[in-house]
């Protein structure tokens, strides 16, 4: 499965989401963060 998370300039909330998504009980999946028209690189670093 590909898990897509769309976000824009909310790294604090995204961090909580990513802690859960990267710990899912599932054998094979990728996580893709789509940063929509970001104002800075905070989400990229996260």
ModelCIF file with pLDDT and N, C-alpha, C, O atoms, coordinates in Angstrom:
data_MODEL
#
_entry.id   MODEL 
#
_entity.id                         1 
_entity.type                       polymer 
_entity.pdbx_number_of_molecules   1 
#
_entity_poly.entity_id                      1 
_entity_poly.type                           'polypeptide(L)' 
_entity_poly.nstd_linkage                   no 
_entity_poly.nstd_monomer                   no 
_entity_poly.pdbx_seq_one_letter_code       
;(UNK)(UNK)(UNK)(UNK)(UNK)(UNK)(UNK)(UNK)(UNK)(UNK)(UNK)(UNK)(UNK)(UNK)(UNK)(UNK)
(UNK)(UNK)(UNK)(UNK)(UNK)(UNK)(UNK)(UNK)(UNK)(UNK)(UNK)(UNK)(UNK)(UNK)(UNK)(UNK)
(UNK)(UNK)(UNK)(UNK)(UNK)(UNK)(UNK)(UNK)(UNK)(UNK)(UNK)(UNK)(UNK)(UNK)
;
_entity_poly.pdbx_seq_one_letter_code_can   XXXXXXXXXXXXXXXXXXXXXXXXXXXXXXXXXXXXXXXXXXXXXX 
_entity_poly.pdbx_strand_id                 A 
#
loop_
_entity_poly_seq.entity_id 
_entity_poly_seq.num 
_entity_poly_seq.mon_id 
_entity_poly_seq.hetero 
1 1  UNK n 
1 2  UNK n 
1 3  UNK n 
1 4  UNK n 
1 5  UNK n 
1 6  UNK n 
1 7  UNK n 
1 8  UNK n 
1 9  UNK n 
1 10 UNK n 
1 11 UNK n 
1 12 UNK n 
1 13 UNK n 
1 14 UNK n 
1 15 UNK n 
1 16 UNK n 
1 17 UNK n 
1 18 UNK n 
1 19 UNK n 
1 20 UNK n 
1 21 UNK n 
1 22 UNK n 
1 23 UNK n 
1 24 UNK n 
1 25 UNK n 
1 26 UNK n 
1 27 UNK n 
1 28 UNK n 
1 29 UNK n 
1 30 UNK n 
1 31 UNK n 
1 32 UNK n 
1 33 UNK n 
1 34 UNK n 
1 35 UNK n 
1 36 UNK n 
1 37 UNK n 
1 38 UNK n 
1 39 UNK n 
1 40 UNK n 
1 41 UNK n 
1 42 UNK n 
1 43 UNK n 
1 44 UNK n 
1 45 UNK n 
1 46 UNK n 
#
_struct_asym.id          A 
_struct_asym.entity_id   1 
#
loop_
_ma_qa_metric.id 
_ma_qa_metric.mode 
_ma_qa_metric.name 
_ma_qa_metric.software_group_id 
_ma_qa_metric.type 
1 global pLDDT . pLDDT 
2 local  pLDDT . pLDDT 
#
_ma_qa_metric_global.metric_id      1 
_ma_qa_metric_global.metric_value   96.85 
_ma_qa_metric_global.model_id       1 
_ma_qa_metric_global.ordinal_id     1 
#
loop_
_ma_qa_metric_local.label_asym_id 
_ma_qa_metric_local.label_comp_id 
_ma_qa_metric_local.label_seq_id 
_ma_qa_metric_local.metric_id 
_ma_qa_metric_local.metric_value 
_ma_qa_metric_local.model_id 
_ma_qa_metric_local.ordinal_id 
A UNK 1  2 98.00 1 1  
A UNK 2  2 98.00 1 2  
A UNK 3  2 98.00 1 3  
A UNK 4  2 98.00 1 4  
A UNK 5  2 98.00 1 5  
A UNK 6  2 98.00 1 6  
A UNK 7  2 97.00 1 7  
A UNK 8  2 96.00 1 8  
A UNK 9  2 95.00 1 9  
A UNK 10 2 95.00 1 10 
A UNK 11 2 96.00 1 11 
A UNK 12 2 95.00 1 12 
A UNK 13 2 95.00 1 13 
A UNK 14 2 97.00 1 14 
A UNK 15 2 97.00 1 15 
A UNK 16 2 96.00 1 16 
A UNK 17 2 97.00 1 17 
A UNK 18 2 98.00 1 18 
A UNK 19 2 97.00 1 19 
A UNK 20 2 97.00 1 20 
A UNK 21 2 98.00 1 21 
A UNK 22 2 98.00 1 22 
A UNK 23 2 97.00 1 23 
A UNK 24 2 97.00 1 24 
A UNK 25 2 95.00 1 25 
A UNK 26 2 96.00 1 26 
A UNK 27 2 94.00 1 27 
A UNK 28 2 96.00 1 28 
A UNK 29 2 98.00 1 29 
A UNK 30 2 98.00 1 30 
A UNK 31 2 98.00 1 31 
A UNK 32 2 98.00 1 32 
A UNK 33 2 98.00 1 33 
A UNK 34 2 98.00 1 34 
A UNK 35 2 98.00 1 35 
A UNK 36 2 97.00 1 36 
A UNK 37 2 95.00 1 37 
A UNK 38 2 96.00 1 38 
A UNK 39 2 95.00 1 39 
A UNK 40 2 96.00 1 40 
A UNK 41 2 96.00 1 41 
A UNK 42 2 97.00 1 42 
A UNK 43 2 98.00 1 43 
A UNK 44 2 97.00 1 44 
A UNK 45 2 97.00 1 45 
A UNK 46 2 98.00 1 46 
#
loop_
_atom_site.group_PDB 
_atom_site.id 
_atom_site.type_symbol 
_atom_site.label_atom_id 
_atom_site.label_alt_id 
_atom_site.label_comp_id 
_atom_site.label_asym_id 
_atom_site.label_entity_id 
_atom_site.label_seq_id 
_atom_site.pdbx_PDB_ins_code 
_atom_site.Cartn_x 
_atom_site.Cartn_y 
_atom_site.Cartn_z 
_atom_site.occupancy 
_atom_site.B_iso_or_equiv 
_atom_site.pdbx_formal_charge 
_atom_site.auth_seq_id 
_atom_site.auth_comp_id 
_atom_site.auth_asym_id 
_atom_site.auth_atom_id 
_atom_site.pdbx_PDB_model_num 
ATOM 1   N N  . UNK A 1 1  ? 0.842  -1.197 0.000  1.00 98.00 ? 1  UNK A N  1 
ATOM 2   C CA . UNK A 1 1  ? 0.000  0.000  0.000  1.00 98.00 ? 1  UNK A CA 1 
ATOM 3   C C  . UNK A 1 1  ? 0.874  1.242  0.000  1.00 98.00 ? 1  UNK A C  1 
ATOM 4   O O  . UNK A 1 1  ? 1.905  1.283  0.672  1.00 98.00 ? 1  UNK A O  1 
ATOM 5   N N  . UNK A 1 2  ? 0.465  2.250  -0.750 1.00 98.00 ? 2  UNK A N  1 
ATOM 6   C CA . UNK A 1 2  ? 1.062  3.587  -0.664 1.00 98.00 ? 2  UNK A CA 1 
ATOM 7   C C  . UNK A 1 2  ? 0.159  4.447  0.218  1.00 98.00 ? 2  UNK A C  1 
ATOM 8   O O  . UNK A 1 2  ? -1.030 4.592  -0.066 1.00 98.00 ? 2  UNK A O  1 
ATOM 9   N N  . UNK A 1 3  ? 0.712  5.014  1.278  1.00 98.00 ? 3  UNK A N  1 
ATOM 10  C CA . UNK A 1 3  ? -0.029 5.913  2.165  1.00 98.00 ? 3  UNK A CA 1 
ATOM 11  C C  . UNK A 1 3  ? 0.351  7.343  1.807  1.00 98.00 ? 3  UNK A C  1 
ATOM 12  O O  . UNK A 1 3  ? 1.520  7.720  1.899  1.00 98.00 ? 3  UNK A O  1 
ATOM 13  N N  . UNK A 1 4  ? -0.628 8.136  1.399  1.00 98.00 ? 4  UNK A N  1 
ATOM 14  C CA . UNK A 1 4  ? -0.400 9.515  0.981  1.00 98.00 ? 4  UNK A CA 1 
ATOM 15  C C  . UNK A 1 4  ? -0.952 10.455 2.052  1.00 98.00 ? 4  UNK A C  1 
ATOM 16  O O  . UNK A 1 4  ? -2.116 10.359 2.438  1.00 98.00 ? 4  UNK A O  1 
ATOM 17  N N  . UNK A 1 5  ? -0.100 11.362 2.523  1.00 98.00 ? 5  UNK A N  1 
ATOM 18  C CA . UNK A 1 5  ? -0.498 12.372 3.508  1.00 98.00 ? 5  UNK A CA 1 
ATOM 19  C C  . UNK A 1 5  ? -0.259 13.745 2.883  1.00 98.00 ? 5  UNK A C  1 
ATOM 20  O O  . UNK A 1 5  ? 0.885  14.132 2.645  1.00 98.00 ? 5  UNK A O  1 
ATOM 21  N N  . UNK A 1 6  ? -1.327 14.468 2.623  1.00 98.00 ? 6  UNK A N  1 
ATOM 22  C CA . UNK A 1 6  ? -1.213 15.820 2.062  1.00 98.00 ? 6  UNK A CA 1 
ATOM 23  C C  . UNK A 1 6  ? -1.194 16.831 3.206  1.00 98.00 ? 6  UNK A C  1 
ATOM 24  O O  . UNK A 1 6  ? -1.972 16.718 4.153  1.00 98.00 ? 6  UNK A O  1 
ATOM 25  N N  . UNK A 1 7  ? -0.317 17.802 3.117  1.00 97.00 ? 7  UNK A N  1 
ATOM 26  C CA . UNK A 1 7  ? -0.147 18.744 4.221  1.00 97.00 ? 7  UNK A CA 1 
ATOM 27  C C  . UNK A 1 7  ? 0.272  20.098 3.693  1.00 97.00 ? 7  UNK A C  1 
ATOM 28  O O  . UNK A 1 7  ? 0.743  20.221 2.563  1.00 97.00 ? 7  UNK A O  1 
ATOM 29  N N  . UNK A 1 8  ? 0.096  21.116 4.526  1.00 96.00 ? 8  UNK A N  1 
ATOM 30  C CA . UNK A 1 8  ? 0.572  22.451 4.186  1.00 96.00 ? 8  UNK A CA 1 
ATOM 31  C C  . UNK A 1 8  ? 0.880  23.227 5.475  1.00 96.00 ? 8  UNK A C  1 
ATOM 32  O O  . UNK A 1 8  ? -0.028 23.638 6.197  1.00 96.00 ? 8  UNK A O  1 
ATOM 33  N N  . UNK A 1 9  ? 2.157  23.416 5.743  1.00 95.00 ? 9  UNK A N  1 
ATOM 34  C CA . UNK A 1 9  ? 2.631  24.296 6.817  1.00 95.00 ? 9  UNK A CA 1 
ATOM 35  C C  . UNK A 1 9  ? 2.054  23.931 8.186  1.00 95.00 ? 9  UNK A C  1 
ATOM 36  O O  . UNK A 1 9  ? 1.693  24.814 8.964  1.00 95.00 ? 9  UNK A O  1 
ATOM 37  N N  . UNK A 1 10 ? 1.968  22.625 8.479  1.00 95.00 ? 10 UNK A N  1 
ATOM 38  C CA . UNK A 1 10 ? 1.523  22.183 9.809  1.00 95.00 ? 10 UNK A CA 1 
ATOM 39  C C  . UNK A 1 10 ? 2.449  21.069 10.295 1.00 95.00 ? 10 UNK A C  1 
ATOM 40  O O  . UNK A 1 10 ? 1.996  19.947 10.520 1.00 95.00 ? 10 UNK A O  1 
ATOM 41  N N  . UNK A 1 11 ? 3.732  21.362 10.459 1.00 96.00 ? 11 UNK A N  1 
ATOM 42  C CA . UNK A 1 11 ? 4.681  20.305 10.822 1.00 96.00 ? 11 UNK A CA 1 
ATOM 43  C C  . UNK A 1 11 ? 4.411  19.674 12.179 1.00 96.00 ? 11 UNK A C  1 
ATOM 44  O O  . UNK A 1 11 ? 4.705  18.494 12.368 1.00 96.00 ? 11 UNK A O  1 
ATOM 45  N N  . UNK A 1 12 ? 3.860  20.425 13.129 1.00 95.00 ? 12 UNK A N  1 
ATOM 46  C CA . UNK A 1 12 ? 3.592  19.846 14.448 1.00 95.00 ? 12 UNK A CA 1 
ATOM 47  C C  . UNK A 1 12 ? 2.544  18.748 14.365 1.00 95.00 ? 12 UNK A C  1 
ATOM 48  O O  . UNK A 1 12 ? 2.718  17.667 14.927 1.00 95.00 ? 12 UNK A O  1 
ATOM 49  N N  . UNK A 1 13 ? 1.469  19.028 13.668 1.00 95.00 ? 13 UNK A N  1 
ATOM 50  C CA . UNK A 1 13 ? 0.430  18.009 13.511 1.00 95.00 ? 13 UNK A CA 1 
ATOM 51  C C  . UNK A 1 13 ? 0.920  16.856 12.648 1.00 95.00 ? 13 UNK A C  1 
ATOM 52  O O  . UNK A 1 13 ? 0.636  15.693 12.932 1.00 95.00 ? 13 UNK A O  1 
ATOM 53  N N  . UNK A 1 14 ? 1.644  17.182 11.611 1.00 97.00 ? 14 UNK A N  1 
ATOM 54  C CA . UNK A 1 14 ? 2.172  16.132 10.739 1.00 97.00 ? 14 UNK A CA 1 
ATOM 55  C C  . UNK A 1 14 ? 3.093  15.197 11.509 1.00 97.00 ? 14 UNK A C  1 
ATOM 56  O O  . UNK A 1 14 ? 3.084  13.990 11.266 1.00 97.00 ? 14 UNK A O  1 
ATOM 57  N N  . UNK A 1 15 ? 3.884  15.728 12.431 1.00 97.00 ? 15 UNK A N  1 
ATOM 58  C CA . UNK A 1 15 ? 4.795  14.878 13.211 1.00 97.00 ? 15 UNK A CA 1 
ATOM 59  C C  . UNK A 1 15 ? 4.028  13.830 14.002 1.00 97.00 ? 15 UNK A C  1 
ATOM 60  O O  . UNK A 1 15 ? 4.438  12.670 14.060 1.00 97.00 ? 15 UNK A O  1 
ATOM 61  N N  . UNK A 1 16 ? 2.915  14.231 14.611 1.00 96.00 ? 16 UNK A N  1 
ATOM 62  C CA . UNK A 1 16 ? 2.100  13.268 15.354 1.00 96.00 ? 16 UNK A CA 1 
ATOM 63  C C  . UNK A 1 16 ? 1.539  12.208 14.427 1.00 96.00 ? 16 UNK A C  1 
ATOM 64  O O  . UNK A 1 16 ? 1.520  11.026 14.768 1.00 96.00 ? 16 UNK A O  1 
ATOM 65  N N  . UNK A 1 17 ? 1.077  12.630 13.243 1.00 97.00 ? 17 UNK A N  1 
ATOM 66  C CA . UNK A 1 17 ? 0.550  11.681 12.268 1.00 97.00 ? 17 UNK A CA 1 
ATOM 67  C C  . UNK A 1 17 ? 1.629  10.709 11.809 1.00 97.00 ? 17 UNK A C  1 
ATOM 68  O O  . UNK A 1 17 ? 1.388  9.504  11.727 1.00 97.00 ? 17 UNK A O  1 
ATOM 69  N N  . UNK A 1 18 ? 2.806  11.223 11.513 1.00 98.00 ? 18 UNK A N  1 
ATOM 70  C CA . UNK A 1 18 ? 3.886  10.368 11.024 1.00 98.00 ? 18 UNK A CA 1 
ATOM 71  C C  . UNK A 1 18 ? 4.359  9.372  12.085 1.00 98.00 ? 18 UNK A C  1 
ATOM 72  O O  . UNK A 1 18 ? 4.747  8.251  11.755 1.00 98.00 ? 18 UNK A O  1 
ATOM 73  N N  . UNK A 1 19 ? 4.329  9.770  13.339 1.00 97.00 ? 19 UNK A N  1 
ATOM 74  C CA . UNK A 1 19 ? 4.702  8.804  14.402 1.00 97.00 ? 19 UNK A CA 1 
ATOM 75  C C  . UNK A 1 19 ? 3.783  7.598  14.356 1.00 97.00 ? 19 UNK A C  1 
ATOM 76  O O  . UNK A 1 19 ? 4.220  6.467  14.564 1.00 97.00 ? 19 UNK A O  1 
ATOM 77  N N  . UNK A 1 20 ? 2.495  7.844  14.080 1.00 97.00 ? 20 UNK A N  1 
ATOM 78  C CA . UNK A 1 20 ? 1.547  6.729  14.006 1.00 97.00 ? 20 UNK A CA 1 
ATOM 79  C C  . UNK A 1 20 ? 1.684  5.955  12.704 1.00 97.00 ? 20 UNK A C  1 
ATOM 80  O O  . UNK A 1 20 ? 1.688  4.724  12.712 1.00 97.00 ? 20 UNK A O  1 
ATOM 81  N N  . UNK A 1 21 ? 1.795  6.662  11.591 1.00 98.00 ? 21 UNK A N  1 
ATOM 82  C CA . UNK A 1 21 ? 1.810  6.005  10.287 1.00 98.00 ? 21 UNK A CA 1 
ATOM 83  C C  . UNK A 1 21 ? 3.073  5.172  10.092 1.00 98.00 ? 21 UNK A C  1 
ATOM 84  O O  . UNK A 1 21 ? 3.017  4.102  9.486  1.00 98.00 ? 21 UNK A O  1 
ATOM 85  N N  . UNK A 1 22 ? 4.195  5.641  10.589 1.00 98.00 ? 22 UNK A N  1 
ATOM 86  C CA . UNK A 1 22 ? 5.435  4.879  10.424 1.00 98.00 ? 22 UNK A CA 1 
ATOM 87  C C  . UNK A 1 22 ? 5.517  3.693  11.381 1.00 98.00 ? 22 UNK A C  1 
ATOM 88  O O  . UNK A 1 22 ? 6.469  2.915  11.324 1.00 98.00 ? 22 UNK A O  1 
ATOM 89  N N  . UNK A 1 23 ? 4.531  3.552  12.255 1.00 97.00 ? 23 UNK A N  1 
ATOM 90  C CA . UNK A 1 23 ? 4.518  2.428  13.212 1.00 97.00 ? 23 UNK A CA 1 
ATOM 91  C C  . UNK A 1 23 ? 3.352  1.479  12.962 1.00 97.00 ? 23 UNK A C  1 
ATOM 92  O O  . UNK A 1 23 ? 3.004  0.694  13.845 1.00 97.00 ? 23 UNK A O  1 
ATOM 93  N N  . UNK A 1 24 ? 2.747  1.531  11.791 1.00 97.00 ? 24 UNK A N  1 
ATOM 94  C CA . UNK A 1 24 ? 1.603  0.668  11.503 1.00 97.00 ? 24 UNK A CA 1 
ATOM 95  C C  . UNK A 1 24 ? 2.004  -0.799 11.473 1.00 97.00 ? 24 UNK A C  1 
ATOM 96  O O  . UNK A 1 24 ? 3.121  -1.152 11.094 1.00 97.00 ? 24 UNK A O  1 
ATOM 97  N N  . UNK A 1 25 ? 1.061  -1.647 11.884 1.00 95.00 ? 25 UNK A N  1 
ATOM 98  C CA . UNK A 1 25 ? 1.268  -3.097 11.857 1.00 95.00 ? 25 UNK A CA 1 
ATOM 99  C C  . UNK A 1 25 ? 0.878  -3.596 10.469 1.00 95.00 ? 25 UNK A C  1 
ATOM 100 O O  . UNK A 1 25 ? -0.254 -4.024 10.240 1.00 95.00 ? 25 UNK A O  1 
ATOM 101 N N  . UNK A 1 26 ? 1.845  -3.531 9.545  1.00 96.00 ? 26 UNK A N  1 
ATOM 102 C CA . UNK A 1 26 ? 1.571  -3.928 8.168  1.00 96.00 ? 26 UNK A CA 1 
ATOM 103 C C  . UNK A 1 26 ? 2.882  -4.294 7.499  1.00 96.00 ? 26 UNK A C  1 
ATOM 104 O O  . UNK A 1 26 ? 3.895  -3.632 7.725  1.00 96.00 ? 26 UNK A O  1 
ATOM 105 N N  . UNK A 1 27 ? 2.884  -5.352 6.667  1.00 94.00 ? 27 UNK A N  1 
ATOM 106 C CA . UNK A 1 27 ? 4.170  -5.855 6.155  1.00 94.00 ? 27 UNK A CA 1 
ATOM 107 C C  . UNK A 1 27 ? 4.880  -4.946 5.155  1.00 94.00 ? 27 UNK A C  1 
ATOM 108 O O  . UNK A 1 27 ? 6.077  -4.696 5.301  1.00 94.00 ? 27 UNK A O  1 
ATOM 109 N N  . UNK A 1 28 ? 4.169  -4.445 4.141  1.00 96.00 ? 28 UNK A N  1 
ATOM 110 C CA . UNK A 1 28 ? 4.842  -3.667 3.090  1.00 96.00 ? 28 UNK A CA 1 
ATOM 111 C C  . UNK A 1 28 ? 3.998  -2.435 2.755  1.00 96.00 ? 28 UNK A C  1 
ATOM 112 O O  . UNK A 1 28 ? 2.882  -2.553 2.250  1.00 96.00 ? 28 UNK A O  1 
ATOM 113 N N  . UNK A 1 29 ? 4.541  -1.269 3.039  1.00 98.00 ? 29 UNK A N  1 
ATOM 114 C CA . UNK A 1 29 ? 3.864  -0.037 2.650  1.00 98.00 ? 29 UNK A CA 1 
ATOM 115 C C  . UNK A 1 29 ? 4.880  1.093  2.588  1.00 98.00 ? 29 UNK A C  1 
ATOM 116 O O  . UNK A 1 29 ? 5.913  1.063  3.258  1.00 98.00 ? 29 UNK A O  1 
ATOM 117 N N  . UNK A 1 30 ? 4.564  2.085  1.773  1.00 98.00 ? 30 UNK A N  1 
ATOM 118 C CA . UNK A 1 30 ? 5.380  3.299  1.706  1.00 98.00 ? 30 UNK A CA 1 
ATOM 119 C C  . UNK A 1 30 ? 4.566  4.469  2.247  1.00 98.00 ? 30 UNK A C  1 
ATOM 120 O O  . UNK A 1 30 ? 3.335  4.445  2.227  1.00 98.00 ? 30 UNK A O  1 
ATOM 121 N N  . UNK A 1 31 ? 5.265  5.486  2.726  1.00 98.00 ? 31 UNK A N  1 
ATOM 122 C CA . UNK A 1 31 ? 4.620  6.704  3.199  1.00 98.00 ? 31 UNK A CA 1 
ATOM 123 C C  . UNK A 1 31 ? 5.112  7.854  2.331  1.00 98.00 ? 31 UNK A C  1 
ATOM 124 O O  . UNK A 1 31 ? 6.315  8.067  2.186  1.00 98.00 ? 31 UNK A O  1 
ATOM 125 N N  . UNK A 1 32 ? 4.171  8.587  1.759  1.00 98.00 ? 32 UNK A N  1 
ATOM 126 C CA . UNK A 1 32 ? 4.497  9.703  0.875  1.00 98.00 ? 32 UNK A CA 1 
ATOM 127 C C  . UNK A 1 32 ? 3.860  10.970 1.424  1.00 98.00 ? 32 UNK A C  1 
ATOM 128 O O  . UNK A 1 32 ? 2.637  11.054 1.533  1.00 98.00 ? 32 UNK A O  1 
ATOM 129 N N  . UNK A 1 33 ? 4.677  11.952 1.767  1.00 98.00 ? 33 UNK A N  1 
ATOM 130 C CA . UNK A 1 33 ? 4.198  13.257 2.225  1.00 98.00 ? 33 UNK A CA 1 
ATOM 131 C C  . UNK A 1 33 ? 4.173  14.202 1.030  1.00 98.00 ? 33 UNK A C  1 
ATOM 132 O O  . UNK A 1 33 ? 5.192  14.417 0.374  1.00 98.00 ? 33 UNK A O  1 
ATOM 133 N N  . UNK A 1 34 ? 2.994  14.764 0.753  1.00 98.00 ? 34 UNK A N  1 
ATOM 134 C CA . UNK A 1 34 ? 2.850  15.736 -0.330 1.00 98.00 ? 34 UNK A CA 1 
ATOM 135 C C  . UNK A 1 34 ? 2.695  17.115 0.302  1.00 98.00 ? 34 UNK A C  1 
ATOM 136 O O  . UNK A 1 34 ? 1.687  17.400 0.949  1.00 98.00 ? 34 UNK A O  1 
ATOM 137 N N  . UNK A 1 35 ? 3.693  17.961 0.113  1.00 98.00 ? 35 UNK A N  1 
ATOM 138 C CA . UNK A 1 35 ? 3.726  19.299 0.695  1.00 98.00 ? 35 UNK A CA 1 
ATOM 139 C C  . UNK A 1 35 ? 3.115  20.274 -0.309 1.00 98.00 ? 35 UNK A C  1 
ATOM 140 O O  . UNK A 1 35 ? 3.675  20.521 -1.377 1.00 98.00 ? 35 UNK A O  1 
ATOM 141 N N  . UNK A 1 36 ? 1.953  20.822 0.058  1.00 97.00 ? 36 UNK A N  1 
ATOM 142 C CA . UNK A 1 36 ? 1.185  21.637 -0.878 1.00 97.00 ? 36 UNK A CA 1 
ATOM 143 C C  . UNK A 1 36 ? 1.518  23.123 -0.745 1.00 97.00 ? 36 UNK A C  1 
ATOM 144 O O  . UNK A 1 36 ? 1.159  23.765 0.241  1.00 97.00 ? 36 UNK A O  1 
ATOM 145 N N  . UNK A 1 37 ? 2.213  23.661 -1.756 1.00 95.00 ? 37 UNK A N  1 
ATOM 146 C CA . UNK A 1 37 ? 2.575  25.085 -1.809 1.00 95.00 ? 37 UNK A CA 1 
ATOM 147 C C  . UNK A 1 37 ? 3.168  25.559 -0.486 1.00 95.00 ? 37 UNK A C  1 
ATOM 148 O O  . UNK A 1 37 ? 2.644  26.499 0.112  1.00 95.00 ? 37 UNK A O  1 
ATOM 149 N N  . UNK A 1 38 ? 4.256  24.927 -0.009 1.00 96.00 ? 38 UNK A N  1 
ATOM 150 C CA . UNK A 1 38 ? 4.806  25.274 1.309  1.00 96.00 ? 38 UNK A CA 1 
ATOM 151 C C  . UNK A 1 38 ? 5.450  26.652 1.324  1.00 96.00 ? 38 UNK A C  1 
ATOM 152 O O  . UNK A 1 38 ? 5.932  27.147 0.306  1.00 96.00 ? 38 UNK A O  1 
ATOM 153 N N  . UNK A 1 39 ? 5.444  27.258 2.512  1.00 95.00 ? 39 UNK A N  1 
ATOM 154 C CA . UNK A 1 39 ? 6.083  28.560 2.688  1.00 95.00 ? 39 UNK A CA 1 
ATOM 155 C C  . UNK A 1 39 ? 7.527  28.433 3.157  1.00 95.00 ? 39 UNK A C  1 
ATOM 156 O O  . UNK A 1 39 ? 8.303  29.383 3.055  1.00 95.00 ? 39 UNK A O  1 
ATOM 157 N N  . UNK A 1 40 ? 7.892  27.252 3.674  1.00 96.00 ? 40 UNK A N  1 
ATOM 158 C CA . UNK A 1 40 ? 9.262  27.045 4.131  1.00 96.00 ? 40 UNK A CA 1 
ATOM 159 C C  . UNK A 1 40 ? 9.605  25.567 3.983  1.00 96.00 ? 40 UNK A C  1 
ATOM 160 O O  . UNK A 1 40 ? 8.825  24.797 3.424  1.00 96.00 ? 40 UNK A O  1 
ATOM 161 N N  . UNK A 1 41 ? 10.774 25.174 4.486  1.00 96.00 ? 41 UNK A N  1 
ATOM 162 C CA . UNK A 1 41 ? 11.217 23.782 4.322  1.00 96.00 ? 41 UNK A CA 1 
ATOM 163 C C  . UNK A 1 41 ? 11.053 22.959 5.589  1.00 96.00 ? 41 UNK A C  1 
ATOM 164 O O  . UNK A 1 41 ? 11.685 21.912 5.728  1.00 96.00 ? 41 UNK A O  1 
ATOM 165 N N  . UNK A 1 42 ? 10.211 23.418 6.519  1.00 97.00 ? 42 UNK A N  1 
ATOM 166 C CA . UNK A 1 42 ? 10.031 22.698 7.787  1.00 97.00 ? 42 UNK A CA 1 
ATOM 167 C C  . UNK A 1 42 ? 9.472  21.298 7.559  1.00 97.00 ? 42 UNK A C  1 
ATOM 168 O O  . UNK A 1 42 ? 9.908  20.344 8.202  1.00 97.00 ? 42 UNK A O  1 
ATOM 169 N N  . UNK A 1 43 ? 8.511  21.169 6.649  1.00 98.00 ? 43 UNK A N  1 
ATOM 170 C CA . UNK A 1 43 ? 7.918  19.859 6.386  1.00 98.00 ? 43 UNK A CA 1 
ATOM 171 C C  . UNK A 1 43 ? 8.918  18.938 5.709  1.00 98.00 ? 43 UNK A C  1 
ATOM 172 O O  . UNK A 1 43 ? 8.953  17.743 6.002  1.00 98.00 ? 43 UNK A O  1 
ATOM 173 N N  . UNK A 1 44 ? 9.723  19.469 4.819  1.00 97.00 ? 44 UNK A N  1 
ATOM 174 C CA . UNK A 1 44 ? 10.751 18.668 4.152  1.00 97.00 ? 44 UNK A CA 1 
ATOM 175 C C  . UNK A 1 44 ? 11.727 18.092 5.168  1.00 97.00 ? 44 UNK A C  1 
ATOM 176 O O  . UNK A 1 44 ? 12.085 16.917 5.092  1.00 97.00 ? 44 UNK A O  1 
ATOM 177 N N  . UNK A 1 45 ? 12.157 18.912 6.115  1.00 97.00 ? 45 UNK A N  1 
ATOM 178 C CA . UNK A 1 45 ? 13.094 18.450 7.148  1.00 97.00 ? 45 UNK A CA 1 
ATOM 179 C C  . UNK A 1 45 ? 12.430 17.395 8.032  1.00 97.00 ? 45 UNK A C  1 
ATOM 180 O O  . UNK A 1 45 ? 13.060 16.409 8.414  1.00 97.00 ? 45 UNK A O  1 
ATOM 181 N N  . UNK A 1 46 ? 11.156 17.608 8.353  1.00 98.00 ? 46 UNK A N  1 
ATOM 182 C CA . UNK A 1 46 ? 10.447 16.645 9.194  1.00 98.00 ? 46 UNK A CA 1 
ATOM 183 C C  . UNK A 1 46 ? 10.339 15.293 8.493  1.00 98.00 ? 46 UNK A C  1 
ATOM 184 O O  . UNK A 1 46 ? 9.771  14.353 9.050  1.00 98.00 ? 46 UNK A O  1 
#
